[in-house]
């Protein structure tokens, strides 16, 4: 995932919420979004799971196409 894909995925989420979820300072989040530093794979997977519901982000490619909803189902 590059910075553009990351920004698209988290576009509607307040920066303060993202910093709290990822456990980072606002400066780090800005640097990820700008592409100045690479986004760690763990953060990419967490973002995919949380904001896209992508089960394969944590469970592997066998789970591609499976999604979790906002309610966790």
N, C-alpha and C. Protein backbone atom coordinates (compact mmCIF):
# COMPACT_ATOMS: atom_id res chain seq x y z
N UNK A 1 0.86 -1.17 0.00
CA UNK A 1 0.00 0.00 0.00
C UNK A 1 0.90 1.23 0.00
N UNK A 2 0.64 2.13 -0.93
CA UNK A 2 1.41 3.37 -0.94
C UNK A 2 0.63 4.46 -0.21
N UNK A 3 1.23 5.64 -0.14
CA UNK A 3 0.61 6.72 0.62
C UNK A 3 -0.73 7.15 0.03
N UNK A 4 -0.88 7.09 -1.29
CA UNK A 4 -2.14 7.47 -1.92
C UNK A 4 -3.26 6.50 -1.53
N UNK A 5 -2.97 5.20 -1.60
CA UNK A 5 -3.97 4.20 -1.20
C UNK A 5 -4.32 4.35 0.28
N UNK A 6 -3.31 4.59 1.10
CA UNK A 6 -3.53 4.78 2.54
C UNK A 6 -4.43 5.99 2.77
N UNK A 7 -4.14 7.10 2.11
CA UNK A 7 -4.94 8.31 2.27
C UNK A 7 -6.38 8.09 1.81
N UNK A 8 -6.55 7.37 0.72
CA UNK A 8 -7.90 7.06 0.24
C UNK A 8 -8.67 6.23 1.26
N UNK A 9 -7.99 5.28 1.87
CA UNK A 9 -8.63 4.38 2.83
C UNK A 9 -9.07 5.10 4.10
N UNK A 10 -8.27 6.06 4.56
CA UNK A 10 -8.56 6.72 5.84
C UNK A 10 -9.04 8.16 5.66
N UNK A 11 -9.48 8.51 4.46
CA UNK A 11 -9.82 9.88 4.11
C UNK A 11 -10.85 10.53 5.06
N UNK A 12 -11.83 9.80 5.49
CA UNK A 12 -12.90 10.38 6.30
C UNK A 12 -12.67 10.24 7.81
N UNK A 13 -11.52 9.75 8.19
CA UNK A 13 -11.23 9.50 9.60
C UNK A 13 -10.39 10.66 10.14
N UNK A 14 -10.82 11.26 11.24
CA UNK A 14 -10.02 12.36 11.82
C UNK A 14 -8.61 11.89 12.19
N UNK A 15 -7.66 12.76 11.96
CA UNK A 15 -6.26 12.43 12.26
C UNK A 15 -6.06 12.03 13.72
N UNK A 16 -6.79 12.67 14.62
CA UNK A 16 -6.64 12.33 16.04
C UNK A 16 -7.07 10.89 16.30
N UNK A 17 -8.10 10.43 15.62
CA UNK A 17 -8.54 9.03 15.77
C UNK A 17 -7.50 8.06 15.21
N UNK A 18 -6.91 8.43 14.07
CA UNK A 18 -5.88 7.57 13.47
C UNK A 18 -4.65 7.48 14.37
N UNK A 19 -4.23 8.61 14.91
CA UNK A 19 -3.06 8.62 15.79
C UNK A 19 -3.32 7.75 17.03
N UNK A 20 -4.52 7.83 17.57
CA UNK A 20 -4.86 7.01 18.74
C UNK A 20 -4.88 5.53 18.38
N UNK A 21 -5.46 5.18 17.25
CA UNK A 21 -5.54 3.78 16.84
C UNK A 21 -4.15 3.20 16.57
N UNK A 22 -3.32 3.96 15.86
CA UNK A 22 -2.00 3.47 15.47
C UNK A 22 -0.93 3.69 16.53
N UNK A 23 -1.26 4.51 17.53
CA UNK A 23 -0.29 4.78 18.59
C UNK A 23 0.90 5.60 18.12
N UNK A 24 0.64 6.59 17.27
CA UNK A 24 1.71 7.43 16.74
C UNK A 24 1.40 8.91 16.97
N UNK A 25 2.42 9.72 16.81
CA UNK A 25 2.28 11.17 16.88
C UNK A 25 1.74 11.70 15.55
N UNK A 26 1.09 12.87 15.58
CA UNK A 26 0.58 13.45 14.33
C UNK A 26 1.65 13.62 13.26
N UNK A 27 2.88 13.93 13.67
CA UNK A 27 3.97 14.10 12.70
C UNK A 27 4.20 12.81 11.91
N UNK A 28 4.18 11.67 12.60
CA UNK A 28 4.38 10.38 11.92
C UNK A 28 3.27 10.13 10.93
N UNK A 29 2.03 10.39 11.32
CA UNK A 29 0.90 10.19 10.43
C UNK A 29 1.04 11.08 9.19
N UNK A 30 1.42 12.33 9.37
CA UNK A 30 1.61 13.24 8.23
C UNK A 30 2.70 12.71 7.29
N UNK A 31 3.76 12.18 7.86
CA UNK A 31 4.86 11.66 7.04
C UNK A 31 4.43 10.42 6.27
N UNK A 32 3.60 9.57 6.87
CA UNK A 32 3.06 8.42 6.13
C UNK A 32 2.21 8.90 4.98
N UNK A 33 1.32 9.86 5.27
CA UNK A 33 0.39 10.34 4.25
C UNK A 33 1.11 11.03 3.10
N UNK A 34 2.20 11.69 3.38
CA UNK A 34 2.94 12.40 2.34
C UNK A 34 3.88 11.48 1.57
N UNK A 35 4.11 10.29 2.09
CA UNK A 35 5.02 9.36 1.44
C UNK A 35 6.47 9.58 1.82
N UNK A 36 6.71 10.44 2.80
CA UNK A 36 8.07 10.73 3.25
C UNK A 36 8.73 9.50 3.87
N UNK A 37 7.95 8.75 4.64
CA UNK A 37 8.44 7.50 5.23
C UNK A 37 7.45 6.40 4.89
N UNK A 38 7.93 5.17 4.76
CA UNK A 38 7.01 4.07 4.42
C UNK A 38 6.08 3.74 5.57
N UNK A 39 4.91 3.27 5.21
CA UNK A 39 3.91 2.86 6.19
C UNK A 39 4.22 1.43 6.59
N UNK A 40 4.42 1.17 7.89
CA UNK A 40 4.72 -0.20 8.31
C UNK A 40 3.61 -1.18 7.90
N UNK A 41 4.01 -2.39 7.58
CA UNK A 41 3.05 -3.41 7.14
C UNK A 41 1.96 -3.63 8.19
N UNK A 42 2.33 -3.64 9.46
CA UNK A 42 1.34 -3.84 10.53
C UNK A 42 0.28 -2.74 10.51
N UNK A 43 0.70 -1.51 10.24
CA UNK A 43 -0.25 -0.39 10.17
C UNK A 43 -1.13 -0.53 8.93
N UNK A 44 -0.54 -0.95 7.82
CA UNK A 44 -1.33 -1.17 6.61
C UNK A 44 -2.41 -2.21 6.87
N UNK A 45 -2.03 -3.31 7.50
CA UNK A 45 -2.99 -4.39 7.77
C UNK A 45 -4.08 -3.94 8.73
N UNK A 46 -3.70 -3.21 9.77
CA UNK A 46 -4.68 -2.71 10.72
C UNK A 46 -5.66 -1.75 10.04
N UNK A 47 -5.15 -0.88 9.19
CA UNK A 47 -6.02 0.06 8.47
C UNK A 47 -6.97 -0.69 7.53
N UNK A 48 -6.45 -1.69 6.82
CA UNK A 48 -7.30 -2.48 5.92
C UNK A 48 -8.40 -3.20 6.69
N UNK A 49 -8.05 -3.77 7.83
CA UNK A 49 -9.03 -4.49 8.63
C UNK A 49 -10.07 -3.53 9.21
N UNK A 50 -9.61 -2.43 9.79
CA UNK A 50 -10.51 -1.50 10.49
C UNK A 50 -11.38 -0.70 9.54
N UNK A 51 -10.81 -0.19 8.46
CA UNK A 51 -11.55 0.74 7.61
C UNK A 51 -12.09 0.13 6.32
N UNK A 52 -11.58 -1.02 5.91
CA UNK A 52 -12.13 -1.68 4.73
C UNK A 52 -12.78 -3.01 5.09
N UNK A 53 -12.57 -3.46 6.35
CA UNK A 53 -13.13 -4.74 6.76
C UNK A 53 -12.48 -5.92 6.08
N UNK A 54 -11.29 -5.74 5.56
CA UNK A 54 -10.59 -6.76 4.77
C UNK A 54 -10.01 -7.84 5.68
N UNK A 55 -10.65 -9.00 5.73
CA UNK A 55 -10.23 -10.09 6.60
C UNK A 55 -8.87 -10.66 6.19
N UNK A 56 -8.53 -10.59 4.91
CA UNK A 56 -7.25 -11.14 4.46
C UNK A 56 -6.07 -10.34 5.01
N UNK A 57 -6.31 -9.13 5.50
CA UNK A 57 -5.23 -8.31 6.06
C UNK A 57 -4.57 -9.00 7.25
N UNK A 58 -5.35 -9.77 8.00
CA UNK A 58 -4.81 -10.47 9.16
C UNK A 58 -4.81 -11.98 9.01
N UNK A 59 -5.74 -12.51 8.25
CA UNK A 59 -5.93 -13.95 8.20
C UNK A 59 -5.29 -14.62 6.99
N UNK A 60 -4.72 -13.86 6.08
CA UNK A 60 -4.05 -14.43 4.91
C UNK A 60 -4.91 -14.38 3.66
N UNK A 61 -4.28 -14.66 2.54
CA UNK A 61 -4.93 -14.54 1.24
C UNK A 61 -6.09 -15.50 1.04
N UNK A 62 -6.13 -16.59 1.79
CA UNK A 62 -7.27 -17.51 1.70
C UNK A 62 -8.57 -16.81 2.08
N UNK A 63 -8.46 -15.72 2.83
CA UNK A 63 -9.63 -14.98 3.28
C UNK A 63 -9.92 -13.78 2.37
N UNK A 64 -9.26 -13.70 1.23
CA UNK A 64 -9.53 -12.62 0.28
C UNK A 64 -10.98 -12.61 -0.13
N UNK A 65 -11.59 -11.44 -0.14
CA UNK A 65 -12.99 -11.31 -0.49
C UNK A 65 -13.93 -11.35 0.70
N UNK A 66 -13.47 -11.86 1.83
CA UNK A 66 -14.29 -11.84 3.04
C UNK A 66 -14.14 -10.47 3.70
N UNK A 67 -15.21 -9.94 4.21
CA UNK A 67 -15.22 -8.61 4.82
C UNK A 67 -15.92 -8.66 6.17
N UNK A 68 -15.42 -7.82 7.07
CA UNK A 68 -16.09 -7.58 8.34
C UNK A 68 -16.85 -6.27 8.22
N UNK A 69 -18.05 -6.23 8.75
CA UNK A 69 -18.83 -5.00 8.76
C UNK A 69 -18.51 -4.15 9.97
N UNK A 70 -19.13 -3.00 10.05
CA UNK A 70 -18.93 -2.10 11.19
C UNK A 70 -19.29 -2.77 12.50
N UNK A 71 -20.24 -3.70 12.45
CA UNK A 71 -20.68 -4.38 13.66
C UNK A 71 -19.82 -5.60 13.99
N UNK A 72 -18.77 -5.85 13.20
CA UNK A 72 -17.87 -6.97 13.45
C UNK A 72 -18.30 -8.28 12.82
N UNK A 73 -19.42 -8.28 12.11
CA UNK A 73 -19.93 -9.50 11.48
C UNK A 73 -19.39 -9.64 10.08
